[in-house]
């Protein structure tokens, strides 16, 4: 991976860190917020016969994390192409 300049490399890592922080904030919000803080509100609804708060605590946060992994890979491929450091 070769960057044109030091500022180009800094911009790439700044965008990478911004993406990671956004995705981690989403995951923390879903994992902590839905499974712990909002559990009583969410338990009023059900998914597949389970209370929604319970579902988020056991399945929703894991599925959200898996989706975020794919979003990260997709966005990083786009970011790599934008900065000219992709593998192709």
PDB file of N, CA and C in Angstrom:
ATOM      1  N   UNK A   1       0.842  -1.163   0.000  1.00  0.00           N
ATOM      2  CA  UNK A   1       0.000   0.000   0.000  1.00  0.00           C
ATOM      3  C   UNK A   1       0.895   1.237   0.000  1.00  0.00           C
ATOM      4  N   UNK A   2       0.757   2.021  -1.033  1.00  0.00           N
ATOM      5  CA  UNK A   2       1.581   3.218  -1.150  1.00  0.00           C
ATOM      6  C   UNK A   2       0.678   4.438  -1.303  1.00  0.00           C
ATOM      7  N   UNK A   3       0.913   5.427  -0.464  1.00  0.00           N
ATOM      8  CA  UNK A   3       0.148   6.666  -0.534  1.00  0.00           C
ATOM      9  C   UNK A   3       0.961   7.719  -1.261  1.00  0.00           C
ATOM     10  N   UNK A   4       0.255   8.670  -1.870  1.00  0.00           N
ATOM     11  CA  UNK A   4       0.916   9.741  -2.607  1.00  0.00           C
ATOM     12  C   UNK A   4       1.726  10.645  -1.684  1.00  0.00           C
ATOM     13  N   UNK A   5       1.170  10.910  -0.512  1.00  0.00           N
ATOM     14  CA  UNK A   5       1.849  11.803   0.431  1.00  0.00           C
ATOM     15  C   UNK A   5       1.432  11.456   1.857  1.00  0.00           C
ATOM     16  N   UNK A   6       2.103  12.100   2.785  1.00  0.00           N
ATOM     17  CA  UNK A   6       1.783  11.901   4.207  1.00  0.00           C
ATOM     18  C   UNK A   6       0.368  12.383   4.511  1.00  0.00           C
ATOM     19  N   UNK A   7      -0.034  13.500   3.926  1.00  0.00           N
ATOM     20  CA  UNK A   7      -1.380  14.024   4.174  1.00  0.00           C
ATOM     21  C   UNK A   7      -2.445  13.099   3.581  1.00  0.00           C
ATOM     22  N   UNK A   8      -2.122  12.461   2.468  1.00  0.00           N
ATOM     23  CA  UNK A   8      -3.036  11.496   1.854  1.00  0.00           C
ATOM     24  C   UNK A   8      -3.230  10.291   2.783  1.00  0.00           C
ATOM     25  N   UNK A   9      -2.152   9.829   3.385  1.00  0.00           N
ATOM     26  CA  UNK A   9      -2.223   8.706   4.320  1.00  0.00           C
ATOM     27  C   UNK A   9      -3.006   9.097   5.570  1.00  0.00           C
ATOM     28  N   UNK A  10      -2.786  10.303   6.066  1.00  0.00           N
ATOM     29  CA  UNK A  10      -3.527  10.767   7.247  1.00  0.00           C
ATOM     30  C   UNK A  10      -5.017  10.860   6.961  1.00  0.00           C
ATOM     31  N   UNK A  11      -5.368  11.367   5.783  1.00  0.00           N
ATOM     32  CA  UNK A  11      -6.781  11.476   5.411  1.00  0.00           C
ATOM     33  C   UNK A  11      -7.431  10.099   5.337  1.00  0.00           C
ATOM     34  N   UNK A  12      -6.711   9.131   4.796  1.00  0.00           N
ATOM     35  CA  UNK A  12      -7.215   7.754   4.706  1.00  0.00           C
ATOM     36  C   UNK A  12      -7.492   7.196   6.096  1.00  0.00           C
ATOM     37  N   UNK A  13      -6.539   7.333   7.014  1.00  0.00           N
ATOM     38  CA  UNK A  13      -6.714   6.793   8.364  1.00  0.00           C
ATOM     39  C   UNK A  13      -7.759   7.571   9.142  1.00  0.00           C
ATOM     40  N   UNK A  14      -7.874   8.863   8.901  1.00  0.00           N
ATOM     41  CA  UNK A  14      -8.925   9.659   9.551  1.00  0.00           C
ATOM     42  C   UNK A  14     -10.299   9.134   9.125  1.00  0.00           C
ATOM     43  N   UNK A  15     -10.475   8.892   7.821  1.00  0.00           N
ATOM     44  CA  UNK A  15     -11.749   8.358   7.335  1.00  0.00           C
ATOM     45  C   UNK A  15     -12.000   6.955   7.859  1.00  0.00           C
ATOM     46  N   UNK A  16     -10.955   6.152   7.954  1.00  0.00           N
ATOM     47  CA  UNK A  16     -11.066   4.800   8.492  1.00  0.00           C
ATOM     48  C   UNK A  16     -11.491   4.849   9.959  1.00  0.00           C
ATOM     49  N   UNK A  17     -10.853   5.676  10.750  1.00  0.00           N
ATOM     50  CA  UNK A  17     -11.204   5.787  12.174  1.00  0.00           C
ATOM     51  C   UNK A  17     -12.614   6.324  12.370  1.00  0.00           C
ATOM     52  N   UNK A  18     -13.014   7.275  11.539  1.00  0.00           N
ATOM     53  CA  UNK A  18     -14.369   7.818  11.623  1.00  0.00           C
ATOM     54  C   UNK A  18     -15.389   6.699  11.371  1.00  0.00           C
ATOM     55  N   UNK A  19     -15.144   5.899  10.343  1.00  0.00           N
ATOM     56  CA  UNK A  19     -16.035   4.792  10.037  1.00  0.00           C
ATOM     57  C   UNK A  19     -16.101   3.803  11.197  1.00  0.00           C
ATOM     58  N   UNK A  20     -14.955   3.445  11.752  1.00  0.00           N
ATOM     59  CA  UNK A  20     -14.932   2.498  12.870  1.00  0.00           C
ATOM     60  C   UNK A  20     -15.680   3.052  14.083  1.00  0.00           C
ATOM     61  N   UNK A  21     -15.492   4.323  14.389  1.00  0.00           N
ATOM     62  CA  UNK A  21     -16.175   4.910  15.539  1.00  0.00           C
ATOM     63  C   UNK A  21     -17.684   4.947  15.347  1.00  0.00           C
ATOM     64  N   UNK A  22     -18.132   5.255  14.143  1.00  0.00           N
ATOM     65  CA  UNK A  22     -19.571   5.265  13.856  1.00  0.00           C
ATOM     66  C   UNK A  22     -20.153   3.871  14.023  1.00  0.00           C
ATOM     67  N   UNK A  23     -19.474   2.871  13.445  1.00  0.00           N
ATOM     68  CA  UNK A  23     -19.981   1.504  13.529  1.00  0.00           C
ATOM     69  C   UNK A  23     -19.936   0.972  14.963  1.00  0.00           C
ATOM     70  N   UNK A  24     -18.891   1.302  15.706  1.00  0.00           N
ATOM     71  CA  UNK A  24     -18.824   0.883  17.108  1.00  0.00           C
ATOM     72  C   UNK A  24     -19.902   1.565  17.948  1.00  0.00           C
ATOM     73  N   UNK A  25     -20.204   2.824  17.635  1.00  0.00           N
ATOM     74  CA  UNK A  25     -21.263   3.528  18.357  1.00  0.00           C
ATOM     75  C   UNK A  25     -22.620   2.881  18.076  1.00  0.00           C
ATOM     76  N   UNK A  26     -22.846   2.479  16.832  1.00  0.00           N
ATOM     77  CA  UNK A  26     -24.092   1.787  16.499  1.00  0.00           C
ATOM     78  C   UNK A  26     -24.184   0.479  17.256  1.00  0.00           C
ATOM     79  N   UNK A  27     -23.094  -0.292  17.252  1.00  0.00           N
ATOM     80  CA  UNK A  27     -23.101  -1.579  17.939  1.00  0.00           C
ATOM     81  C   UNK A  27     -23.300  -1.398  19.445  1.00  0.00           C
ATOM     82  N   UNK A  28     -22.624  -0.420  20.031  1.00  0.00           N
ATOM     83  CA  UNK A  28     -22.781  -0.163  21.464  1.00  0.00           C
ATOM     84  C   UNK A  28     -24.208   0.278  21.774  1.00  0.00           C
ATOM     85  N   UNK A  29     -24.764   1.113  20.907  1.00  0.00           N
ATOM     86  CA  UNK A  29     -26.137   1.559  21.113  1.00  0.00           C
ATOM     87  C   UNK A  29     -27.127   0.416  21.077  1.00  0.00           C
ATOM     88  N   UNK A  30     -26.959  -0.472  20.114  1.00  0.00           N
ATOM     89  CA  UNK A  30     -27.856  -1.625  20.017  1.00  0.00           C
ATOM     90  C   UNK A  30     -27.612  -2.590  21.174  1.00  0.00           C
ATOM     91  N   UNK A  31     -26.345  -2.912  21.438  1.00  0.00           N
ATOM     92  CA  UNK A  31     -26.033  -3.892  22.480  1.00  0.00           C
ATOM     93  C   UNK A  31     -26.387  -3.379  23.868  1.00  0.00           C
ATOM     94  N   UNK A  32     -25.959  -2.190  24.184  1.00  0.00           N
ATOM     95  CA  UNK A  32     -26.169  -1.654  25.524  1.00  0.00           C
ATOM     96  C   UNK A  32     -27.557  -1.035  25.653  1.00  0.00           C
ATOM     97  N   UNK A  33     -27.909  -0.219  24.659  1.00  0.00           N
ATOM     98  CA  UNK A  33     -29.179   0.501  24.727  1.00  0.00           C
ATOM     99  C   UNK A  33     -30.388  -0.404  24.660  1.00  0.00           C
ATOM    100  N   UNK A  34     -30.451  -1.235  23.621  1.00  0.00           N
ATOM    101  CA  UNK A  34     -31.634  -2.084  23.429  1.00  0.00           C
ATOM    102  C   UNK A  34     -31.672  -3.260  24.379  1.00  0.00           C
ATOM    103  N   UNK A  35     -30.522  -3.811  24.709  1.00  0.00           N
ATOM    104  CA  UNK A  35     -30.500  -5.018  25.544  1.00  0.00           C
ATOM    105  C   UNK A  35     -30.499  -4.716  27.037  1.00  0.00           C
ATOM    106  N   UNK A  36     -30.147  -3.490  27.430  1.00  0.00           N
ATOM    107  CA  UNK A  36     -30.062  -3.190  28.866  1.00  0.00           C
ATOM    108  C   UNK A  36     -30.945  -1.998  29.240  1.00  0.00           C
ATOM    109  N   UNK A  37     -30.714  -0.857  28.609  1.00  0.00           N
ATOM    110  CA  UNK A  37     -31.423   0.356  29.009  1.00  0.00           C
ATOM    111  C   UNK A  37     -32.893   0.364  28.612  1.00  0.00           C
ATOM    112  N   UNK A  38     -33.187  -0.104  27.422  1.00  0.00           N
ATOM    113  CA  UNK A  38     -34.562  -0.045  26.917  1.00  0.00           C
ATOM    114  C   UNK A  38     -35.287  -1.387  27.002  1.00  0.00           C
ATOM    115  N   UNK A  39     -34.759  -2.312  27.763  1.00  0.00           N
ATOM    116  CA  UNK A  39     -35.313  -3.667  27.790  1.00  0.00           C
ATOM    117  C   UNK A  39     -36.772  -3.681  28.248  1.00  0.00           C
ATOM    118  N   UNK A  40     -37.136  -2.888  29.218  1.00  0.00           N
ATOM    119  CA  UNK A  40     -38.516  -2.886  29.707  1.00  0.00           C
ATOM    120  C   UNK A  40     -39.481  -2.367  28.652  1.00  0.00           C
ATOM    121  N   UNK A  41     -39.079  -1.351  27.928  1.00  0.00           N
ATOM    122  CA  UNK A  41     -39.915  -0.804  26.856  1.00  0.00           C
ATOM    123  C   UNK A  41     -40.027  -1.812  25.718  1.00  0.00           C
ATOM    124  N   UNK A  42     -38.906  -2.409  25.334  1.00  0.00           N
ATOM    125  CA  UNK A  42     -38.897  -3.352  24.218  1.00  0.00           C
ATOM    126  C   UNK A  42     -39.613  -4.657  24.548  1.00  0.00           C
ATOM    127  N   UNK A  43     -39.655  -5.031  25.815  1.00  0.00           N
ATOM    128  CA  UNK A  43     -40.311  -6.282  26.199  1.00  0.00           C
ATOM    129  C   UNK A  43     -41.825  -6.244  26.013  1.00  0.00           C
ATOM    130  N   UNK A  44     -42.370  -5.085  25.705  1.00  0.00           N
ATOM    131  CA  UNK A  44     -43.800  -4.988  25.403  1.00  0.00           C
ATOM    132  C   UNK A  44     -44.126  -5.613  24.050  1.00  0.00           C
ATOM    133  N   UNK A  45     -43.107  -5.788  23.217  1.00  0.00           N
ATOM    134  CA  UNK A  45     -43.279  -6.359  21.885  1.00  0.00           C
ATOM    135  C   UNK A  45     -42.599  -7.723  21.835  1.00  0.00           C
ATOM    136  N   UNK A  46     -42.982  -8.529  20.857  1.00  0.00           N
ATOM    137  CA  UNK A  46     -42.352  -9.844  20.750  1.00  0.00           C
ATOM    138  C   UNK A  46     -41.891 -10.107  19.319  1.00  0.00           C
ATOM    139  N   UNK A  47     -40.849 -10.943  19.217  1.00  0.00           N
ATOM    140  CA  UNK A  47     -40.292 -11.380  17.941  1.00  0.00           C
ATOM    141  C   UNK A  47     -40.152 -12.893  18.024  1.00  0.00           C
ATOM    142  N   UNK A  48     -40.792 -13.591  17.116  1.00  0.00           N
ATOM    143  CA  UNK A  48     -40.739 -15.057  17.083  1.00  0.00           C
ATOM    144  C   UNK A  48     -41.135 -15.668  18.429  1.00  0.00           C
ATOM    145  N   UNK A  49     -42.063 -15.024  19.115  1.00  0.00           N
ATOM    146  CA  UNK A  49     -42.536 -15.542  20.393  1.00  0.00           C
ATOM    147  C   UNK A  49     -41.706 -15.146  21.601  1.00  0.00           C
ATOM    148  N   UNK A  50     -40.627 -14.401  21.395  1.00  0.00           N
ATOM    149  CA  UNK A  50     -39.771 -13.953  22.496  1.00  0.00           C
ATOM    150  C   UNK A  50     -39.944 -12.452  22.707  1.00  0.00           C
ATOM    151  N   UNK A  51     -39.798 -12.021  23.935  1.00  0.00           N
ATOM    152  CA  UNK A  51     -39.856 -10.587  24.205  1.00  0.00           C
ATOM    153  C   UNK A  51     -38.726  -9.898  23.460  1.00  0.00           C
ATOM    154  N   UNK A  52     -38.990  -8.721  22.894  1.00  0.00           N
ATOM    155  CA  UNK A  52     -38.014  -8.032  22.053  1.00  0.00           C
ATOM    156  C   UNK A  52     -36.750  -7.654  22.811  1.00  0.00           C
ATOM    157  N   UNK A  53     -36.860  -7.254  24.069  1.00  0.00           N
ATOM    158  CA  UNK A  53     -35.668  -6.938  24.865  1.00  0.00           C
ATOM    159  C   UNK A  53     -34.790  -8.154  25.062  1.00  0.00           C
ATOM    160  N   UNK A  54     -35.404  -9.292  25.350  1.00  0.00           N
ATOM    161  CA  UNK A  54     -34.659 -10.547  25.478  1.00  0.00           C
ATOM    162  C   UNK A  54     -34.006 -10.911  24.148  1.00  0.00           C
ATOM    163  N   UNK A  55     -34.755 -10.735  23.059  1.00  0.00           N
ATOM    164  CA  UNK A  55     -34.231 -11.064  21.731  1.00  0.00           C
ATOM    165  C   UNK A  55     -33.001 -10.223  21.398  1.00  0.00           C
ATOM    166  N   UNK A  56     -33.059  -8.914  21.678  1.00  0.00           N
ATOM    167  CA  UNK A  56     -31.903  -8.047  21.420  1.00  0.00           C
ATOM    168  C   UNK A  56     -30.711  -8.449  22.270  1.00  0.00           C
ATOM    169  N   UNK A  57     -30.954  -8.831  23.503  1.00  0.00           N
ATOM    170  CA  UNK A  57     -29.853  -9.218  24.389  1.00  0.00           C
ATOM    171  C   UNK A  57     -29.166 -10.485  23.901  1.00  0.00           C
ATOM    172  N   UNK A  58     -29.920 -11.392  23.290  1.00  0.00           N
ATOM    173  CA  UNK A  58     -29.347 -12.681  22.927  1.00  0.00           C
ATOM    174  C   UNK A  58     -29.077 -12.855  21.444  1.00  0.00           C
ATOM    175  N   UNK A  59     -29.828 -12.212  20.600  1.00  0.00           N
ATOM    176  CA  UNK A  59     -29.644 -12.398  19.161  1.00  0.00           C
ATOM    177  C   UNK A  59     -29.417 -11.086  18.424  1.00  0.00           C
ATOM    178  N   UNK A  60     -30.164 -10.072  18.758  1.00  0.00           N
ATOM    179  CA  UNK A  60     -30.134  -8.813  18.015  1.00  0.00           C
ATOM    180  C   UNK A  60     -28.779  -8.141  17.995  1.00  0.00           C
ATOM    181  N   UNK A  61     -28.103  -8.113  19.128  1.00  0.00           N
ATOM    182  CA  UNK A  61     -26.795  -7.460  19.167  1.00  0.00           C
ATOM    183  C   UNK A  61     -25.764  -8.253  18.367  1.00  0.00           C
ATOM    184  N   UNK A  62     -25.875  -9.578  18.379  1.00  0.00           N
ATOM    185  CA  UNK A  62     -24.941 -10.410  17.602  1.00  0.00           C
ATOM    186  C   UNK A  62     -25.192 -10.228  16.114  1.00  0.00           C
ATOM    187  N   UNK A  63     -26.466 -10.259  15.713  1.00  0.00           N
ATOM    188  CA  UNK A  63     -26.791 -10.063  14.299  1.00  0.00           C
ATOM    189  C   UNK A  63     -26.413  -8.664  13.828  1.00  0.00           C
ATOM    190  N   UNK A  64     -26.604  -7.676  14.676  1.00  0.00           N
ATOM    191  CA  UNK A  64     -26.191  -6.316  14.335  1.00  0.00           C
ATOM    192  C   UNK A  64     -24.689  -6.256  14.124  1.00  0.00           C
ATOM    193  N   UNK A  65     -23.921  -6.920  14.980  1.00  0.00           N
ATOM    194  CA  UNK A  65     -22.471  -6.943  14.842  1.00  0.00           C
ATOM    195  C   UNK A  65     -22.062  -7.590  13.519  1.00  0.00           C
ATOM    196  N   UNK A  66     -22.704  -8.678  13.145  1.00  0.00           N
ATOM    197  CA  UNK A  66     -22.386  -9.347  11.879  1.00  0.00           C
ATOM    198  C   UNK A  66     -22.694  -8.436  10.695  1.00  0.00           C
ATOM    199  N   UNK A  67     -23.830  -7.764  10.727  1.00  0.00           N
ATOM    200  CA  UNK A  67     -24.170  -6.820   9.653  1.00  0.00           C
ATOM    201  C   UNK A  67     -23.140  -5.698   9.591  1.00  0.00           C
ATOM    202  N   UNK A  68     -22.714  -5.200  10.748  1.00  0.00           N
ATOM    203  CA  UNK A  68     -21.723  -4.119  10.775  1.00  0.00           C
ATOM    204  C   UNK A  68     -20.377  -4.566  10.222  1.00  0.00           C
ATOM    205  N   UNK A  69     -20.020  -5.823  10.384  1.00  0.00           N
ATOM    206  CA  UNK A  69     -18.788  -6.344   9.792  1.00  0.00           C
ATOM    207  C   UNK A  69     -18.858  -6.250   8.273  1.00  0.00           C
ATOM    208  N   UNK A  70     -19.994  -6.651   7.699  1.00  0.00           N
ATOM    209  CA  UNK A  70     -20.159  -6.571   6.251  1.00  0.00           C
ATOM    210  C   UNK A  70     -20.189  -5.122   5.764  1.00  0.00           C
ATOM    211  N   UNK A  71     -20.833  -4.239   6.525  1.00  0.00           N
ATOM    212  CA  UNK A  71     -20.853  -2.820   6.170  1.00  0.00           C
ATOM    213  C   UNK A  71     -19.435  -2.257   6.204  1.00  0.00           C
ATOM    214  N   UNK A  72     -18.661  -2.631   7.219  1.00  0.00           N
ATOM    215  CA  UNK A  72     -17.278  -2.162   7.318  1.00  0.00           C
ATOM    216  C   UNK A  72     -16.446  -2.639   6.123  1.00  0.00           C
ATOM    217  N   UNK A  73     -16.575  -3.899   5.759  1.00  0.00           N
ATOM    218  CA  UNK A  73     -15.816  -4.434   4.620  1.00  0.00           C
ATOM    219  C   UNK A  73     -16.210  -3.720   3.324  1.00  0.00           C
ATOM    220  N   UNK A  74     -17.508  -3.510   3.131  1.00  0.00           N
ATOM    221  CA  UNK A  74     -17.990  -2.827   1.923  1.00  0.00           C
ATOM    222  C   UNK A  74     -17.470  -1.388   1.863  1.00  0.00           C
ATOM    223  N   UNK A  75     -17.589  -0.653   2.987  1.00  0.00           N
ATOM    224  CA  UNK A  75     -17.136   0.747   3.016  1.00  0.00           C
ATOM    225  C   UNK A  75     -15.618   0.852   2.892  1.00  0.00           C
ATOM    226  N   UNK A  76     -14.879  -0.085   3.492  1.00  0.00           N
ATOM    227  CA  UNK A  76     -13.414  -0.031   3.384  1.00  0.00           C
ATOM    228  C   UNK A  76     -12.967  -0.326   1.955  1.00  0.00           C
ATOM    229  N   UNK A  77     -13.641  -1.219   1.258  1.00  0.00           N
ATOM    230  CA  UNK A  77     -13.309  -1.442  -0.150  1.00  0.00           C
ATOM    231  C   UNK A  77     -13.535  -0.170  -0.961  1.00  0.00           C
ATOM    232  N   UNK A  78     -14.636   0.516  -0.684  1.00  0.00           N
ATOM    233  CA  UNK A  78     -14.893   1.795  -1.363  1.00  0.00           C
ATOM    234  C   UNK A  78     -13.848   2.842  -0.996  1.00  0.00           C
ATOM    235  N   UNK A  79     -13.498   2.898   0.270  1.00  0.00           N
ATOM    236  CA  UNK A  79     -12.493   3.849   0.736  1.00  0.00           C
ATOM    237  C   UNK A  79     -11.131   3.558   0.116  1.00  0.00           C
ATOM    238  N   UNK A  80     -10.770   2.292   0.033  1.00  0.00           N
ATOM    239  CA  UNK A  80      -9.506   1.909  -0.605  1.00  0.00           C
ATOM    240  C   UNK A  80      -9.472   2.361  -2.066  1.00  0.00           C
ATOM    241  N   UNK A  81     -10.581   2.186  -2.767  1.00  0.00           N
ATOM    242  CA  UNK A  81     -10.632   2.630  -4.168  1.00  0.00           C
ATOM    243  C   UNK A  81     -10.528   4.151  -4.272  1.00  0.00           C
ATOM    244  N   UNK A  82     -11.197   4.859  -3.364  1.00  0.00           N
ATOM    245  CA  UNK A  82     -11.148   6.331  -3.378  1.00  0.00           C
ATOM    246  C   UNK A  82      -9.720   6.846  -3.199  1.00  0.00           C
ATOM    247  N   UNK A  83      -8.960   6.195  -2.347  1.00  0.00           N
ATOM    248  CA  UNK A  83      -7.580   6.633  -2.067  1.00  0.00           C
ATOM    249  C   UNK A  83      -6.544   5.915  -2.915  1.00  0.00           C
ATOM    250  N   UNK A  84      -7.000   5.053  -3.807  1.00  0.00           N
ATOM    251  CA  UNK A  84      -6.081   4.389  -4.719  1.00  0.00           C
ATOM    252  C   UNK A  84      -5.174   3.365  -4.076  1.00  0.00           C
ATOM    253  N   UNK A  85      -5.651   2.731  -3.014  1.00  0.00           N
ATOM    254  CA  UNK A  85      -4.842   1.717  -2.339  1.00  0.00           C
ATOM    255  C   UNK A  85      -5.531   0.355  -2.351  1.00  0.00           C
ATOM    256  N   UNK A  86      -6.456   0.167  -3.296  1.00  0.00           N
ATOM    257  CA  UNK A  86      -7.136  -1.118  -3.382  1.00  0.00           C
ATOM    258  C   UNK A  86      -6.234  -2.167  -3.994  1.00  0.00           C
ATOM    259  N   UNK A  87      -6.619  -3.411  -3.841  1.00  0.00           N
ATOM    260  CA  UNK A  87      -5.783  -4.518  -4.294  1.00  0.00           C
ATOM    261  C   UNK A  87      -5.908  -4.778  -5.780  1.00  0.00           C
ATOM    262  N   UNK A  88      -6.924  -4.261  -6.416  1.00  0.00           N
ATOM    263  CA  UNK A  88      -7.135  -4.537  -7.843  1.00  0.00           C
ATOM    264  C   UNK A  88      -6.288  -3.649  -8.719  1.00  0.00           C
TER     265      UNK A  88
END
